[in-house]
Amino acid sequence: MSLKEGMSACPNIVASSLPSKEFWAYEELYDTVFEADEEARVVRSKYKGMFFIYTKKTEAVLSNFFRYQHAFLGKVLPVKVCDTDIRSLIRRSIELLSIKEVRLMLHIREPLKNKVHEDYIAFLITSEGLRLSKKSKFIFAIESIENTFLSSFGITRKCGSHCYALV
């Protein structure tokens, strides 16, 4: 994951910028995150416009995103489960859920992009007992970072005109 020494393999929060706004998004992230946790780390990933946030105060940092309007951020996802095996990630994520219907939001990047497909992920989710619905307000997000999968889930909440976070 190209992490700095001493950091966990799994960030607490991932965030992405709007297209071509990476520099300004980093500035917004820096201000928002460090106001809530001065010891946090914001790391630029090798993926364009994607950032990893490492903090011991995830809830405080996340709630700080709603105190301001972010003009350059696109999404903010608190990481609930991190795993290198997609089956394990889905199983562990579903164990944390108390609902039965979700809308899937998927972003699989290289090198896993052509190895794990949306149909397979949808099959795994439904075989674990969840229903997928495009009308559900509850989002189940899965992202890949190098060879690791991250999950997040919740209801979207605005953190700017084009920014949303899952809570």
Protein backbone atom coordinates (compact mmCIF):
# COMPACT_ATOMS: atom_id res chain seq x y z
CA MET A 1 0.00 0.00 0.00
CA SER A 2 3.05 2.24 -0.05
CA LEU A 3 2.63 3.11 3.61
CA LYS A 4 5.06 5.03 5.74
CA GLU A 5 7.00 3.21 8.41
CA GLY A 6 5.03 2.42 11.55
CA MET A 7 1.60 2.76 9.92
CA SER A 8 -1.10 0.14 9.90
CA ALA A 9 -1.82 -1.59 6.61
CA CYS A 10 -5.39 -0.37 6.88
CA PRO A 11 -6.28 3.34 7.08
CA ASN A 12 -9.10 4.50 9.36
CA ILE A 13 -10.60 6.74 6.67
CA VAL A 14 -10.15 6.99 2.91
CA ALA A 15 -11.01 10.13 1.01
CA SER A 16 -10.93 11.15 -2.61
CA SER A 17 -10.77 14.45 -4.38
CA LEU A 18 -12.94 15.75 -7.16
CA PRO A 19 -11.32 15.35 -10.60
CA SER A 20 -8.24 17.60 -11.03
CA LYS A 21 -8.60 19.01 -7.49
CA GLU A 22 -6.07 16.80 -5.70
CA PHE A 23 -3.84 19.62 -4.41
CA TRP A 24 -6.72 21.62 -2.91
CA ALA A 25 -8.41 18.49 -1.57
CA TYR A 26 -5.23 17.64 0.32
CA GLU A 27 -5.30 21.12 1.88
CA GLU A 28 -8.94 20.66 2.92
CA LEU A 29 -8.20 17.22 4.35
CA TYR A 30 -5.20 18.48 6.23
CA ASP A 31 -7.18 21.31 7.86
CA THR A 32 -10.19 19.17 8.71
CA VAL A 33 -8.29 16.16 10.03
CA PHE A 34 -5.68 17.98 12.10
CA GLU A 35 -8.23 20.22 13.76
CA ALA A 36 -9.74 17.05 15.27
CA ASP A 37 -6.52 15.05 15.77
CA GLU A 38 -3.09 16.70 15.68
CA GLU A 39 -1.40 13.30 15.69
CA ALA A 40 -3.25 12.00 12.64
CA ARG A 41 -1.54 11.30 9.34
CA VAL A 42 -2.89 12.16 5.89
CA VAL A 43 -1.09 10.14 3.23
CA ARG A 44 -1.39 10.61 -0.51
CA SER A 45 -1.83 7.26 -2.20
CA LYS A 46 -0.39 6.18 -5.50
CA TYR A 47 -3.93 6.42 -6.89
CA LYS A 48 -4.75 9.83 -8.31
CA GLY A 49 -6.86 11.88 -5.92
CA MET A 50 -7.02 9.27 -3.16
CA PHE A 51 -5.86 9.80 0.41
CA PHE A 52 -5.47 7.60 3.49
CA ILE A 53 -6.14 9.00 6.93
CA TYR A 54 -4.62 7.32 9.98
CA THR A 55 -6.03 8.45 13.30
CA LYS A 56 -6.83 7.20 16.78
CA LYS A 57 -9.83 9.55 16.83
CA THR A 58 -11.83 8.29 13.84
CA GLU A 59 -15.23 9.50 15.10
CA ALA A 60 -13.94 12.98 15.98
CA VAL A 61 -12.23 13.33 12.60
CA LEU A 62 -15.27 12.05 10.74
CA SER A 63 -17.66 14.40 12.54
CA ASN A 64 -15.33 17.30 11.74
CA PHE A 65 -16.05 16.78 8.02
CA PHE A 66 -19.63 17.94 8.65
CA ARG A 67 -18.61 21.17 10.35
CA TYR A 68 -17.36 22.68 7.07
CA GLN A 69 -18.27 22.75 3.40
CA HIS A 70 -15.58 20.95 1.40
CA ALA A 71 -15.27 22.25 -2.14
CA PHE A 72 -12.57 19.88 -3.41
CA LEU A 73 -13.42 16.53 -1.80
CA GLY A 74 -15.67 13.95 -3.43
CA LYS A 75 -16.08 11.24 -0.81
CA VAL A 76 -15.03 10.33 2.69
CA LEU A 77 -15.34 6.71 3.81
CA PRO A 78 -14.65 5.45 7.33
CA VAL A 79 -13.04 2.03 6.94
CA LYS A 80 -14.97 -0.65 8.84
CA VAL A 81 -13.19 -3.80 7.62
CA CYS A 82 -9.90 -4.34 5.82
CA ASP A 83 -8.91 -7.70 4.32
CA THR A 84 -6.94 -9.19 1.44
CA ASP A 85 -9.67 -11.79 0.80
CA ILE A 86 -12.93 -10.44 -0.65
CA ARG A 87 -15.00 -13.32 0.78
CA SER A 88 -13.68 -12.69 4.27
CA LEU A 89 -14.18 -8.93 3.92
CA ILE A 90 -17.83 -9.37 2.92
CA ARG A 91 -18.53 -11.94 5.63
CA ARG A 92 -16.91 -9.80 8.36
CA SER A 93 -18.66 -6.65 7.12
CA ILE A 94 -22.09 -8.27 7.06
CA GLU A 95 -21.58 -9.50 10.63
CA LEU A 96 -21.41 -5.83 11.65
CA LEU A 97 -24.64 -4.88 9.85
CA SER A 98 -28.09 -4.94 11.41
CA ILE A 99 -29.97 -4.31 8.16
CA LYS A 100 -30.91 -6.63 5.32
CA GLU A 101 -30.94 -4.40 2.22
CA VAL A 102 -28.08 -2.30 0.84
CA ARG A 103 -27.01 -0.42 -2.25
CA LEU A 104 -23.58 -1.52 -3.46
CA MET A 105 -20.94 1.11 -4.24
CA LEU A 106 -17.88 -0.51 -5.73
CA HIS A 107 -14.48 0.84 -6.77
CA ILE A 108 -11.97 -1.87 -7.66
CA ARG A 109 -8.58 -0.57 -8.80
CA GLU A 110 -5.50 -2.16 -10.34
CA PRO A 111 -4.11 -4.75 -9.77
CA LEU A 112 -7.43 -6.36 -8.74
CA LYS A 113 -9.58 -4.60 -11.35
CA ASN A 114 -9.66 -7.48 -13.84
CA LYS A 115 -9.53 -10.24 -11.20
CA VAL A 116 -12.60 -9.48 -9.08
CA HIS A 117 -15.83 -8.51 -10.83
CA GLU A 118 -18.99 -6.81 -9.63
CA ASP A 119 -21.17 -9.83 -10.43
CA TYR A 120 -19.02 -12.04 -8.19
CA ILE A 121 -19.10 -9.51 -5.35
CA ALA A 122 -22.87 -9.18 -5.70
CA PHE A 123 -23.17 -12.99 -5.56
CA LEU A 124 -21.06 -13.13 -2.38
CA ILE A 125 -23.16 -10.42 -0.73
CA THR A 126 -26.50 -12.03 -1.57
CA SER A 127 -25.26 -15.50 -0.60
CA GLU A 128 -24.53 -14.05 2.87
CA GLY A 129 -28.18 -13.00 3.18
CA LEU A 130 -28.19 -9.34 2.13
CA ARG A 131 -30.47 -7.99 -0.59
CA LEU A 132 -29.06 -5.53 -3.10
CA SER A 133 -31.31 -2.66 -4.10
CA LYS A 134 -30.54 0.50 -6.03
CA LYS A 135 -33.28 2.21 -3.99
CA SER A 136 -31.73 1.51 -0.60
CA LYS A 137 -30.48 4.54 1.31
CA PHE A 138 -27.95 2.36 3.14
CA ILE A 139 -24.69 2.08 1.20
CA PHE A 140 -22.28 -0.85 1.34
CA ALA A 141 -19.02 0.47 -0.17
CA ILE A 142 -16.11 -1.73 -1.21
CA GLU A 143 -12.84 -0.26 -2.46
CA SER A 144 -9.55 -1.88 -3.36
CA ILE A 145 -6.14 -0.49 -2.60
CA GLU A 146 -3.38 -2.53 -4.20
CA ASN A 147 -4.13 -6.11 -3.02
CA THR A 148 -6.33 -5.11 -0.09
CA PHE A 149 -10.08 -4.60 0.06
CA LEU A 150 -11.72 -2.02 2.33
CA SER A 151 -15.37 -1.83 3.30
CA SER A 152 -17.45 1.02 4.59
CA PHE A 153 -21.16 1.30 5.13
CA GLY A 154 -23.79 3.75 6.22
CA ILE A 155 -26.05 6.48 4.97
CA THR A 156 -24.63 9.30 2.89
CA ARG A 157 -24.36 12.71 4.43
CA LYS A 158 -23.23 15.86 2.63
CA CYS A 159 -19.87 17.40 3.54
CA GLY A 160 -19.88 19.93 0.70
CA SER A 161 -21.64 20.70 -2.56
CA HIS A 162 -20.12 17.61 -4.24
CA CYS A 163 -18.80 15.87 -1.13
CA TYR A 164 -20.44 13.04 0.80
CA ALA A 165 -19.40 10.80 3.65
CA LEU A 166 -20.86 7.59 5.00
CA VAL A 167 -22.16 7.70 8.57
